[in-house]
Amino acid sequence: MDFVTWLFDTRAGVAAIFIGGIALCLLIAFILERRTKRMYFDHPKGDGEDDGIFSGIFGGDGEDDE
């Protein structure tokens, strides 16, 4: 019961819950992204699909739409 009290009644405990929640969400997102890439590895890019928000900053796949 002392651990539960520390976890919810102190700033360090609440910070541990917060940071642990963020780490858990990142882990789940990483696992799901890897499973999705493995499942759709040969998915052809359609006409309406772009590379995403950061494709102009970090570069795309070498195709120019000029």
Protein backbone atom coordinates (compact mmCIF):
# COMPACT_ATOMS: atom_id res chain seq x y z
CA MET A 1 0.00 0.00 0.00
CA ASP A 2 2.97 2.30 0.55
CA PHE A 3 3.91 2.13 -3.15
CA VAL A 4 0.39 3.13 -4.20
CA THR A 5 0.48 6.07 -1.81
CA TRP A 6 3.84 7.19 -3.21
CA LEU A 7 2.61 6.72 -6.78
CA PHE A 8 -0.48 8.90 -6.46
CA ASP A 9 0.39 11.32 -3.63
CA THR A 10 3.83 12.60 -4.61
CA ARG A 11 5.03 14.64 -7.56
CA ALA A 12 7.66 12.04 -8.39
CA GLY A 13 5.03 9.31 -8.46
CA VAL A 14 2.72 11.27 -10.74
CA ALA A 15 5.68 12.08 -12.99
CA ALA A 16 6.51 8.36 -13.10
CA ILE A 17 2.94 7.58 -14.19
CA PHE A 18 3.09 10.31 -16.85
CA ILE A 19 6.47 9.29 -18.27
CA GLY A 20 5.54 5.61 -18.09
CA GLY A 21 2.34 6.31 -20.04
CA ILE A 22 4.25 8.15 -22.75
CA ALA A 23 6.80 5.32 -22.98
CA LEU A 24 4.02 2.74 -23.20
CA CYS A 25 2.25 4.65 -26.00
CA LEU A 26 5.52 4.99 -27.94
CA LEU A 27 6.22 1.27 -27.57
CA ILE A 28 2.74 0.33 -28.78
CA ALA A 29 2.99 2.75 -31.74
CA PHE A 30 6.39 1.34 -32.71
CA ILE A 31 5.15 -2.25 -32.60
CA LEU A 32 2.00 -1.48 -34.59
CA GLU A 33 3.97 0.49 -37.20
CA ARG A 34 6.37 -2.42 -37.73
CA ARG A 35 3.48 -4.89 -38.09
CA THR A 36 1.76 -2.60 -40.61
CA LYS A 37 4.93 -2.18 -42.68
CA ARG A 38 5.46 -5.93 -42.71
CA MET A 39 1.86 -6.53 -43.77
CA TYR A 40 1.80 -3.92 -46.57
CA PHE A 41 5.41 -4.02 -47.79
CA ASP A 42 4.49 -4.09 -51.49
CA HIS A 43 1.67 -1.56 -51.39
CA PRO A 44 1.85 0.58 -54.57
CA LYS A 45 1.60 4.32 -54.09
CA GLY A 46 -1.57 5.73 -55.60
CA ASP A 47 -2.11 9.02 -57.40
CA GLY A 48 -3.59 10.78 -54.39
CA GLU A 49 -0.97 9.62 -51.92
CA ASP A 50 1.89 11.87 -51.00
CA ASP A 51 4.90 11.26 -48.79
CA GLY A 52 3.48 13.10 -45.81
CA ILE A 53 3.90 16.41 -44.09
CA PHE A 54 7.70 16.38 -43.94
CA SER A 55 8.42 15.11 -47.45
CA GLY A 56 9.41 18.59 -48.63
CA ILE A 57 11.77 19.12 -45.74
CA PHE A 58 13.46 15.73 -45.56
CA GLY A 59 13.12 14.77 -49.22
CA GLY A 60 10.88 12.32 -50.95
CA ASP A 61 11.59 9.33 -53.12
CA GLY A 62 13.25 11.33 -55.89
CA GLU A 63 10.17 12.01 -58.01
CA ASP A 64 9.55 15.63 -58.94
CA ASP A 65 6.02 16.75 -59.80
CA GLU A 66 7.02 19.54 -62.21
